[in-house]
Amino acid sequence: MKKYLITTGLAILATVSANAQQLPLFSQYYYNRFIYNPAFTGVESQSSAYLIHHSQWKDIPGSPVTYALTVDGPVAKNKIGLGLSLFNDQAGIFNRSGLYSSYSYRFSLATDHDLTLGLSAGVIDNKVDFSNAEAKDINDPLLYGQMQRKVTVDANFGIAYMWKDLNVGVSMPQLLGNKINYTETNTNVYTTLRRHLIASVSYDVTLSESAEIDFYPSVMMRYVKGAPVQFDINANFSWKDMLRAGISYRFDYAIGFNIGAKLNKNLIAGYTYEYVYTSLNSYSGGGHEVMLGFTFGGNNGGMSGEELDLLNQRIDQAEATNDSLANELNKKDAQHDEEIEKLNEEIEILKLETETGMNGNPNGNPDQDNSEVRVENAADFEDENGAALPTGFYVVMGAFKNKDNAFNLKKSFSGKYPAAVIYKRGELYYVNVFYTQNEASALTFAEERRKEQPDVWVFQLK
């Protein structure tokens, strides 16, 4: 009688799960993150294949049993990941089999910062077989004479962020939320593939480099509308990347103990036992998961994972050194360009001073009496806005080939002189600090300014 009640309760639980948590339950997903999030498809340097068997409540008839086979790997220089997954999930009268193909693409945000987007699509074969139910009333009209079966399409989406040994992922399985109707009879039997939300965080911490001991903490949260939030906390330790052991806590349900070993260069195996600490423990017998993994491919030239990591570190260091040297060279080039520009401007100023000394005009006109005044053609000049300049006397305190340098000097005179930039077409930009129609006033102002700096000229524009 007790077994009958438990089996009936299991069937009810399975029915409720059609509207609540519907995904296969795995324990060693920290080995194979791709199984819950397509964004982790092919993120490792080598391809991997995993075979998983998971069973819950082994002492209860019709208890959940799940089988899964996954294969994934990188292509296109690790920018793209491709994968394939197959699973079968059995629980009482329910039996689901799924086949998915997965794709991911990696975006490099910065050095060691990567973002991947993943999508998987496939089909699910849904079966309801009431002949597997243990019923008190065998004449119940809900018990069909034949199995009900429907095939539907499904899709999963995921996103992941990776920074060095930190991995953060969010995925949405059963993205389409399809409703499956079993319409071969007049009885209304249906189930809906509810959208789930799964978030995970994991990190790799080196506890001892000499002893080669690493610590792998991770957290996973699962949510679906109509069911309470579920989360797992995992703490795993690794020795020389050969042996692994750890403990996990599944909220309000069970505590898991797991061990794993690297059997050879490519083959790993793992086992998890889940102790159910709720009242169900008296009947369930706990849970078990066996995992077998195989890595292959990759372009590591036969190097170990540690050797490959060390090589990548050296490559990163060399790239950082090259970047630093390139930045220094660019700075030196900019400094040299600036120095050359200054020299050119000084040469132009010397030319002006020489021309000014030739009887006050660039043509060396001996009829020019005042050697302190340089005579220019007003038609050759324009103001800052491109307008013609009036004739008269201009006191100039700077000459530049570069327009920006002229305006910088003008800005430094702000509040001191009514400075303005005038331009002799095709030649130089001059910083004018005083304008007058009176030659004597211009010469007096220039003489006062020469007490501050020697390079002061008086232009007469005619």
Protein backbone atom coordinates (compact mmCIF):
# COMPACT_ATOMS: atom_id res chain seq x y z
CA MET A 1 0.00 0.00 0.00
CA LYS A 2 2.85 2.38 0.85
CA LYS A 3 4.54 1.67 -2.49
CA TYR A 4 1.23 2.38 -4.24
CA LEU A 5 0.85 5.75 -2.51
CA ILE A 6 4.41 6.72 -3.37
CA THR A 7 3.93 5.76 -7.01
CA THR A 8 0.66 7.70 -7.16
CA GLY A 9 2.41 10.68 -5.61
CA LEU A 10 5.18 10.40 -8.18
CA ALA A 11 2.65 10.48 -11.02
CA ILE A 12 1.07 13.60 -9.51
CA LEU A 13 4.51 15.16 -9.12
CA ALA A 14 5.30 14.42 -12.76
CA THR A 15 2.00 16.03 -13.79
CA VAL A 16 2.77 19.11 -11.73
CA SER A 17 6.23 19.26 -13.26
CA ALA A 18 4.62 19.75 -16.64
CA ASN A 19 3.82 23.27 -15.42
CA ALA A 20 6.92 23.70 -13.25
CA GLN A 21 10.53 22.51 -13.55
CA GLN A 22 10.66 20.41 -16.73
CA LEU A 23 14.33 20.23 -17.63
CA PRO A 24 16.49 17.16 -17.05
CA LEU A 25 18.42 17.43 -13.81
CA PHE A 26 22.21 17.04 -13.87
CA SER A 27 24.80 17.29 -11.09
CA GLN A 28 28.20 17.52 -12.83
CA TYR A 29 27.38 20.41 -15.15
CA TYR A 30 30.56 22.23 -13.98
CA TYR A 31 32.44 19.85 -16.30
CA ASN A 32 30.08 20.46 -19.20
CA ARG A 33 28.56 23.96 -18.96
CA PHE A 34 27.28 23.64 -22.52
CA ILE A 35 24.58 21.21 -21.31
CA TYR A 36 22.50 24.06 -19.80
CA ASN A 37 23.71 27.09 -21.79
CA PRO A 38 24.41 27.09 -25.57
CA ALA A 39 26.62 30.17 -25.15
CA PHE A 40 29.29 27.84 -23.70
CA THR A 41 29.33 25.77 -26.89
CA GLY A 42 32.92 25.24 -27.99
CA VAL A 43 34.48 27.78 -25.61
CA GLU A 44 37.33 25.44 -24.70
CA SER A 45 40.42 24.99 -26.89
CA GLN A 46 39.57 21.34 -27.59
CA SER A 47 36.43 19.46 -28.57
CA SER A 48 34.67 17.38 -25.92
CA ALA A 49 32.16 14.56 -25.75
CA TYR A 50 30.25 13.61 -22.57
CA LEU A 51 28.05 10.66 -21.75
CA ILE A 52 25.88 11.09 -18.64
CA HIS A 53 23.49 8.84 -16.70
CA HIS A 54 21.49 10.44 -13.87
CA SER A 55 18.92 8.70 -11.68
CA GLN A 56 16.82 10.00 -8.77
CA TRP A 57 14.89 8.16 -6.06
CA LYS A 58 16.10 4.76 -7.26
CA ASP A 59 13.97 2.93 -4.70
CA ILE A 60 10.70 4.34 -6.06
CA PRO A 61 9.07 2.73 -9.14
CA GLY A 62 8.87 5.12 -12.09
CA SER A 63 11.51 7.43 -10.62
CA PRO A 64 13.24 9.91 -12.96
CA VAL A 65 16.10 8.60 -15.09
CA THR A 66 18.01 10.75 -17.57
CA TYR A 67 20.55 9.89 -20.26
CA ALA A 68 22.50 12.52 -22.20
CA LEU A 69 25.18 12.64 -24.89
CA THR A 70 26.80 15.94 -25.83
CA VAL A 71 29.54 16.86 -28.30
CA ASP A 72 30.91 20.37 -28.83
CA GLY A 73 34.04 22.09 -30.03
CA PRO A 74 35.56 25.31 -31.43
CA VAL A 75 36.06 26.29 -35.08
CA ALA A 76 37.27 29.41 -36.93
CA LYS A 77 40.13 30.08 -34.49
CA ASN A 78 37.88 29.67 -31.45
CA LYS A 79 35.50 32.42 -32.60
CA ILE A 80 32.67 29.97 -33.30
CA GLY A 81 31.45 26.97 -31.33
CA LEU A 82 29.39 24.09 -32.71
CA GLY A 83 27.66 21.38 -30.70
CA LEU A 84 25.18 18.54 -30.69
CA SER A 85 23.23 17.15 -27.75
CA LEU A 86 20.89 14.20 -27.31
CA PHE A 87 18.92 13.33 -24.19
CA ASN A 88 16.23 10.99 -22.91
CA ASP A 89 14.30 11.85 -19.74
CA GLN A 90 11.95 9.29 -18.17
CA ALA A 91 9.67 9.87 -15.18
CA GLY A 92 6.65 7.63 -14.60
CA ILE A 93 4.23 7.93 -17.48
CA PHE A 94 6.30 10.69 -19.13
CA ASN A 95 9.11 10.04 -21.57
CA ARG A 96 10.91 12.80 -23.47
CA SER A 97 13.73 12.55 -25.99
CA GLY A 98 15.44 15.57 -27.50
CA LEU A 99 18.00 16.29 -30.20
CA TYR A 100 19.58 19.78 -30.47
CA SER A 101 22.26 21.42 -32.56
CA SER A 102 24.02 24.42 -31.01
CA TYR A 103 25.95 27.44 -32.25
CA SER A 104 27.88 30.12 -30.39
CA TYR A 105 29.87 33.18 -31.43
CA ARG A 106 32.59 34.86 -29.38
CA PHE A 107 33.06 38.65 -29.21
CA SER A 108 36.36 39.95 -27.83
CA LEU A 109 35.54 42.99 -25.68
CA ALA A 110 39.10 43.61 -24.48
CA THR A 111 42.16 41.63 -23.46
CA ASP A 112 40.91 38.53 -21.58
CA HIS A 113 37.32 39.82 -21.75
CA ASP A 114 35.02 37.78 -24.01
CA LEU A 115 31.27 37.73 -24.58
CA THR A 116 29.56 34.81 -26.31
CA LEU A 117 26.04 34.42 -27.63
CA GLY A 118 24.60 30.96 -28.18
CA LEU A 119 21.53 29.42 -29.76
CA SER A 120 20.42 25.81 -29.95
CA ALA A 121 17.48 24.44 -31.88
CA GLY A 122 16.05 20.97 -32.19
CA VAL A 123 13.10 18.64 -31.71
CA ILE A 124 11.56 16.95 -28.67
CA ASP A 125 9.69 13.67 -28.87
CA ASN A 126 7.07 13.78 -26.08
CA LYS A 127 5.36 10.59 -24.93
CA VAL A 128 2.68 9.89 -22.35
CA ASP A 129 2.14 6.18 -21.63
CA PHE A 130 -0.60 5.56 -19.05
CA SER A 131 0.10 1.85 -19.20
CA ASN A 132 3.08 2.59 -16.95
CA ALA A 133 0.84 4.07 -14.25
CA GLU A 134 -0.06 2.02 -11.19
CA ALA A 135 -3.78 2.81 -10.86
CA LYS A 136 -6.30 1.66 -8.30
CA ASP A 137 -9.15 1.84 -10.81
CA ILE A 138 -7.99 0.15 -14.01
CA ASN A 139 -11.26 1.18 -15.71
CA ASP A 140 -10.45 4.87 -15.30
CA PRO A 141 -11.22 6.51 -18.68
CA LEU A 142 -7.99 8.53 -18.41
CA LEU A 143 -6.04 5.35 -18.96
CA TYR A 144 -5.61 5.13 -22.71
CA GLY A 145 -5.19 1.86 -24.51
CA GLN A 146 -2.23 3.23 -26.43
CA MET A 147 0.67 5.61 -25.89
CA GLN A 148 0.15 9.29 -26.73
CA ARG A 149 3.02 10.89 -28.67
CA LYS A 150 3.78 14.32 -30.09
CA VAL A 151 6.91 15.79 -31.65
CA THR A 152 7.57 19.53 -31.34
CA VAL A 153 10.36 21.96 -32.16
CA ASP A 154 12.25 23.78 -29.43
CA ALA A 155 15.02 26.36 -29.03
CA ASN A 156 17.34 27.57 -26.27
CA PHE A 157 19.20 30.90 -26.03
CA GLY A 158 22.18 31.83 -23.89
CA ILE A 159 24.72 34.53 -23.20
CA ALA A 160 28.04 34.19 -21.36
CA TYR A 161 30.78 36.51 -20.17
CA MET A 162 34.31 35.22 -19.55
CA TRP A 163 37.19 37.04 -17.91
CA LYS A 164 40.29 34.94 -17.25
CA ASP A 165 38.99 32.22 -14.88
CA LEU A 166 35.59 33.82 -14.24
CA ASN A 167 32.56 32.53 -16.13
CA VAL A 168 29.08 34.07 -15.93
CA GLY A 169 26.16 32.73 -17.94
CA VAL A 170 22.43 33.27 -18.39
CA SER A 171 20.26 31.03 -20.55
CA MET A 172 16.61 30.54 -21.43
CA PRO A 173 15.75 26.93 -22.31
CA GLN A 174 12.44 26.08 -24.01
CA LEU A 175 12.46 29.56 -25.51
CA LEU A 176 9.47 28.98 -27.80
CA GLY A 177 7.13 27.92 -24.97
CA ASN A 178 5.20 25.53 -27.22
CA LYS A 179 1.95 23.90 -26.11
CA ILE A 180 1.71 20.19 -26.85
CA ASN A 181 -1.80 18.79 -27.34
CA TYR A 182 -2.49 15.08 -27.31
CA THR A 183 -5.65 15.00 -29.44
CA GLU A 184 -5.96 11.40 -30.45
CA THR A 185 -8.83 10.97 -28.01
CA ASN A 186 -11.67 13.14 -26.77
CA THR A 187 -9.90 13.68 -23.46
CA ASN A 188 -8.12 17.04 -23.18
CA VAL A 189 -4.53 16.15 -22.31
CA TYR A 190 -1.80 18.69 -22.95
CA THR A 191 1.45 20.05 -21.60
CA THR A 192 3.27 23.34 -22.13
CA LEU A 193 7.02 23.70 -22.49
CA ARG A 194 7.57 26.47 -19.99
CA ARG A 195 10.38 28.98 -20.51
CA HIS A 196 13.07 28.59 -17.87
CA LEU A 197 15.70 31.03 -16.69
CA ILE A 198 19.08 29.64 -15.65
CA ALA A 199 21.95 31.74 -14.32
CA SER A 200 25.38 30.47 -13.34
CA VAL A 201 28.67 31.83 -11.98
CA SER A 202 31.93 29.89 -11.62
CA TYR A 203 35.54 30.75 -10.86
CA ASP A 204 38.88 28.98 -10.75
CA VAL A 205 41.07 29.84 -7.75
CA THR A 206 44.64 28.54 -7.42
CA LEU A 207 45.15 27.62 -3.77
CA SER A 208 48.72 26.33 -4.14
CA GLU A 209 50.89 26.63 -7.24
CA SER A 210 53.57 24.30 -5.86
CA ALA A 211 51.08 21.60 -4.87
CA GLU A 212 48.93 22.33 -7.97
CA ILE A 213 45.70 22.55 -6.00
CA ASP A 214 42.79 24.52 -7.46
CA PHE A 215 39.41 25.45 -6.03
CA TYR A 216 36.32 25.68 -8.26
CA PRO A 217 33.35 27.39 -6.58
CA SER A 218 30.17 27.74 -8.61
CA VAL A 219 26.54 28.72 -8.18
CA MET A 220 23.55 27.95 -10.39
CA MET A 221 20.02 29.35 -10.14
CA ARG A 222 16.95 27.94 -11.95
CA TYR A 223 13.58 29.63 -12.25
CA VAL A 224 10.33 28.88 -14.04
CA LYS A 225 6.96 30.50 -13.53
CA GLY A 226 4.80 28.46 -11.19
CA ALA A 227 7.67 26.89 -9.26
CA PRO A 228 9.93 28.12 -6.46
CA VAL A 229 13.42 29.34 -7.32
CA GLN A 230 15.99 26.55 -7.13
CA PHE A 231 19.72 27.04 -6.69
CA ASP A 232 22.84 24.94 -6.27
CA ILE A 233 26.09 25.80 -4.52
CA ASN A 234 29.13 23.75 -5.51
CA ALA A 235 32.64 23.57 -4.06
CA ASN A 236 35.12 21.39 -5.97
CA PHE A 237 38.83 20.89 -5.50
CA SER A 238 41.34 19.66 -8.07
CA TRP A 239 44.81 18.21 -7.63
CA LYS A 240 47.20 18.46 -10.59
CA ASP A 241 44.17 18.48 -12.88
CA MET A 242 44.05 14.72 -12.33
CA LEU A 243 41.83 14.14 -9.30
CA ARG A 244 38.75 16.10 -8.32
CA ALA A 245 36.45 15.96 -5.32
CA GLY A 246 33.77 18.22 -3.95
CA ILE A 247 30.45 18.80 -2.31
CA SER A 248 27.29 20.50 -3.53
CA TYR A 249 24.15 21.82 -1.89
CA ARG A 250 20.83 21.77 -3.73
CA PHE A 251 18.46 24.11 -1.92
CA ASP A 252 15.72 22.44 0.09
CA TYR A 253 16.43 19.06 -1.43
CA ALA A 254 19.81 17.32 -1.26
CA ILE A 255 23.52 17.38 -0.58
CA GLY A 256 25.79 15.92 -3.23
CA PHE A 257 29.22 14.31 -2.95
CA ASN A 258 31.27 13.96 -6.10
CA ILE A 259 34.61 12.57 -7.20
CA GLY A 260 36.34 12.58 -10.54
CA ALA A 261 39.58 11.47 -12.15
CA LYS A 262 41.52 12.00 -15.35
CA LEU A 263 42.08 8.46 -16.54
CA ASN A 264 44.50 9.46 -19.28
CA LYS A 265 45.35 12.49 -21.41
CA ASN A 266 41.89 12.63 -22.98
CA LEU A 267 39.53 10.56 -20.81
CA ILE A 268 37.85 11.68 -17.57
CA ALA A 269 35.24 10.05 -15.36
CA GLY A 270 33.06 11.38 -12.56
CA TYR A 271 30.49 10.16 -10.05
CA THR A 272 28.02 12.02 -7.81
CA TYR A 273 25.86 10.70 -5.00
CA GLU A 274 22.99 12.88 -3.79
CA TYR A 275 21.73 12.46 -0.25
CA VAL A 276 18.13 13.67 0.00
CA TYR A 277 17.75 15.29 3.41
CA THR A 278 13.99 15.89 3.18
CA SER A 279 11.27 13.48 4.34
CA LEU A 280 11.44 11.81 0.92
CA ASN A 281 14.74 10.23 1.96
CA SER A 282 12.94 7.44 3.80
CA TYR A 283 11.66 6.08 0.48
CA SER A 284 13.83 7.50 -2.30
CA GLY A 285 17.26 5.96 -1.79
CA GLY A 286 19.08 9.09 -2.98
CA GLY A 287 20.35 9.94 -6.44
CA HIS A 288 23.29 8.88 -8.61
CA GLU A 289 25.06 10.34 -11.61
CA VAL A 290 27.83 8.77 -13.66
CA MET A 291 29.72 10.84 -16.22
CA LEU A 292 32.33 9.88 -18.83
CA GLY A 293 34.11 12.57 -20.84
CA PHE A 294 36.51 12.54 -23.77
CA THR A 295 38.48 15.47 -25.22
CA PHE A 296 39.90 15.48 -28.72
CA GLY A 297 41.06 17.74 -31.54
CA GLY A 298 42.47 21.18 -30.93
CA ASN A 299 45.69 22.66 -32.23
CA ASN A 300 47.81 22.44 -29.12
CA GLY A 301 50.53 20.37 -30.79
CA GLY A 302 50.27 17.64 -28.17
CA MET A 303 50.96 19.99 -25.27
CA SER A 304 49.28 19.56 -21.91
CA GLY A 305 46.74 22.07 -20.65
CA GLU A 306 49.33 23.56 -18.28
CA GLU A 307 51.91 23.92 -21.06
CA LEU A 308 49.32 25.50 -23.34
CA ASP A 309 48.29 27.97 -20.61
CA LEU A 310 51.94 28.88 -20.02
CA LEU A 311 52.49 29.41 -23.75
CA ASN A 312 49.41 31.62 -23.96
CA GLN A 313 50.66 33.65 -20.99
CA ARG A 314 54.02 34.19 -22.68
CA ILE A 315 52.29 35.21 -25.90
CA ASP A 316 50.13 37.68 -23.95
CA GLN A 317 53.23 39.10 -22.25
CA ALA A 318 55.02 39.47 -25.60
CA GLU A 319 51.99 41.22 -27.10
CA ALA A 320 51.81 43.56 -24.09
CA THR A 321 55.53 44.37 -24.48
CA ASN A 322 55.08 45.04 -28.19
CA ASP A 323 52.13 47.32 -27.48
CA SER A 324 54.16 49.22 -24.90
CA LEU A 325 57.08 49.69 -27.32
CA ALA A 326 54.71 50.79 -30.07
CA ASN A 327 53.17 53.37 -27.75
CA GLU A 328 56.61 54.71 -26.80
CA LEU A 329 57.61 54.98 -30.48
CA ASN A 330 54.40 56.82 -31.28
CA LYS A 331 55.08 59.25 -28.43
CA LYS A 332 58.65 59.82 -29.70
CA ASP A 333 57.35 60.41 -33.25
CA ALA A 334 54.83 62.94 -31.95
CA GLN A 335 57.55 64.72 -29.97
CA HIS A 336 59.84 64.83 -33.01
CA ASP A 337 57.04 66.20 -35.19
CA GLU A 338 56.35 68.89 -32.61
CA GLU A 339 60.04 69.82 -32.38
CA ILE A 340 60.35 70.02 -36.18
CA GLU A 341 57.26 72.23 -36.32
CA LYS A 342 58.74 74.55 -33.71
CA LEU A 343 62.03 74.73 -35.62
CA ASN A 344 60.18 75.62 -38.81
CA GLU A 345 58.33 78.37 -37.01
CA GLU A 346 61.57 79.72 -35.55
CA ILE A 347 63.08 79.74 -39.04
CA GLU A 348 60.11 81.71 -40.35
CA ILE A 349 60.42 84.16 -37.48
CA LEU A 350 64.15 84.61 -38.23
CA LYS A 351 63.24 85.30 -41.82
CA LEU A 352 60.80 87.95 -40.65
CA GLU A 353 63.40 89.54 -38.43
CA THR A 354 65.88 89.55 -41.31
CA GLU A 355 63.34 91.04 -43.66
CA THR A 356 62.40 93.67 -41.07
CA GLY A 357 66.03 94.65 -40.76
CA MET A 358 66.23 95.35 -44.49
CA ASN A 359 65.01 98.94 -44.27
CA GLY A 360 61.68 97.85 -42.82
CA ASN A 361 60.19 95.85 -45.75
CA PRO A 362 60.63 92.39 -47.27
CA ASN A 363 61.83 93.76 -50.59
CA GLY A 364 64.67 95.71 -49.00
CA ASN A 365 63.25 99.00 -50.24
CA PRO A 366 65.79 101.71 -49.40
CA ASP A 367 63.09 104.37 -49.56
CA GLN A 368 61.51 103.01 -46.34
CA ASP A 369 62.75 105.33 -43.59
CA ASN A 370 61.47 103.56 -40.46
CA SER A 371 63.33 100.22 -40.02
CA GLU A 372 60.96 99.23 -37.18
CA VAL A 373 57.92 99.18 -39.44
CA ARG A 374 57.32 96.39 -41.96
CA VAL A 375 55.22 97.47 -44.92
CA GLU A 376 52.79 94.89 -46.33
CA ASN A 377 49.99 94.84 -48.86
CA ALA A 378 46.62 94.83 -47.05
CA ALA A 379 45.08 92.77 -49.87
CA ASP A 380 47.31 89.82 -48.88
CA PHE A 381 45.82 89.61 -45.35
CA GLU A 382 42.51 88.57 -43.81
CA ASP A 383 41.08 88.35 -40.29
CA GLU A 384 39.92 85.27 -38.37
CA ASN A 385 36.63 85.19 -40.27
CA GLY A 386 38.25 85.55 -43.69
CA ALA A 387 37.34 89.24 -44.07
CA ALA A 388 39.71 91.87 -45.47
CA LEU A 389 41.76 93.94 -43.01
CA PRO A 390 41.69 97.75 -42.90
CA THR A 391 44.86 99.66 -43.61
CA GLY A 392 46.83 100.90 -40.64
CA PHE A 393 49.47 99.82 -38.13
CA TYR A 394 49.38 96.34 -36.44
CA VAL A 395 51.59 95.30 -33.53
CA VAL A 396 52.37 91.56 -33.81
CA MET A 397 53.72 89.36 -30.99
CA GLY A 398 53.83 85.95 -32.66
CA ALA A 399 54.01 84.20 -36.04
CA PHE A 400 53.08 80.56 -36.68
CA LYS A 401 52.76 78.11 -39.52
CA ASN A 402 50.22 76.19 -37.47
CA LYS A 403 46.86 77.90 -37.01
CA ASP A 404 46.14 76.15 -33.68
CA ASN A 405 49.39 77.43 -32.19
CA ALA A 406 48.45 80.98 -33.14
CA PHE A 407 45.06 80.68 -31.46
CA ASN A 408 46.67 79.16 -28.35
CA LEU A 409 48.90 82.22 -28.03
CA LYS A 410 45.90 84.50 -28.57
CA LYS A 411 44.09 82.68 -25.77
CA SER A 412 47.07 83.21 -23.42
CA PHE A 413 46.75 86.98 -24.03
CA SER A 414 43.07 86.94 -23.01
CA GLY A 415 42.29 89.72 -20.56
CA LYS A 416 45.69 91.32 -21.21
CA TYR A 417 45.46 92.49 -24.80
CA PRO A 418 42.63 92.63 -27.34
CA ALA A 419 44.47 89.97 -29.34
CA ALA A 420 43.34 88.72 -32.75
CA VAL A 421 44.76 86.32 -35.33
CA ILE A 422 45.47 87.72 -38.81
CA TYR A 423 46.50 85.53 -41.72
CA LYS A 424 48.76 86.29 -44.65
CA ARG A 425 47.45 84.01 -47.33
CA GLY A 426 49.72 81.12 -48.11
CA GLU A 427 52.25 82.02 -45.42
CA LEU A 428 51.83 82.60 -41.66
CA TYR A 429 49.31 83.24 -38.93
CA TYR A 430 50.14 86.36 -36.88
CA VAL A 431 48.90 87.26 -33.41
CA ASN A 432 48.02 90.96 -33.45
CA VAL A 433 47.72 92.65 -30.04
CA PHE A 434 47.26 96.32 -31.05
CA TYR A 435 45.83 98.24 -34.02
CA THR A 436 45.99 101.97 -34.74
CA GLN A 437 46.09 104.46 -37.57
CA ASN A 438 48.91 106.31 -35.83
CA GLU A 439 52.46 105.09 -36.48
CA ALA A 440 53.92 106.70 -33.35
CA SER A 441 51.33 105.03 -31.12
CA ALA A 442 52.12 101.66 -32.71
CA LEU A 443 55.88 102.09 -32.20
CA THR A 444 55.42 103.17 -28.58
CA PHE A 445 53.17 100.16 -27.82
CA ALA A 446 55.68 97.80 -29.51
CA GLU A 447 58.58 99.21 -27.51
CA GLU A 448 56.70 98.62 -24.24
CA ARG A 449 55.90 95.04 -25.26
CA ARG A 450 59.56 94.31 -26.05
CA LYS A 451 60.22 94.62 -22.33
CA GLU A 452 58.16 91.41 -21.95
CA GLN A 453 59.48 89.59 -25.03
CA PRO A 454 61.91 90.63 -27.79
CA ASP A 455 59.93 89.31 -30.77
CA VAL A 456 57.53 92.17 -31.45
CA TRP A 457 56.90 93.67 -34.91
CA VAL A 458 54.95 96.55 -36.39
CA PHE A 459 53.16 95.91 -39.66
CA GLN A 460 51.86 98.73 -41.81
CA LEU A 461 49.17 97.46 -44.15
CA LYS A 462 48.59 99.66 -47.19
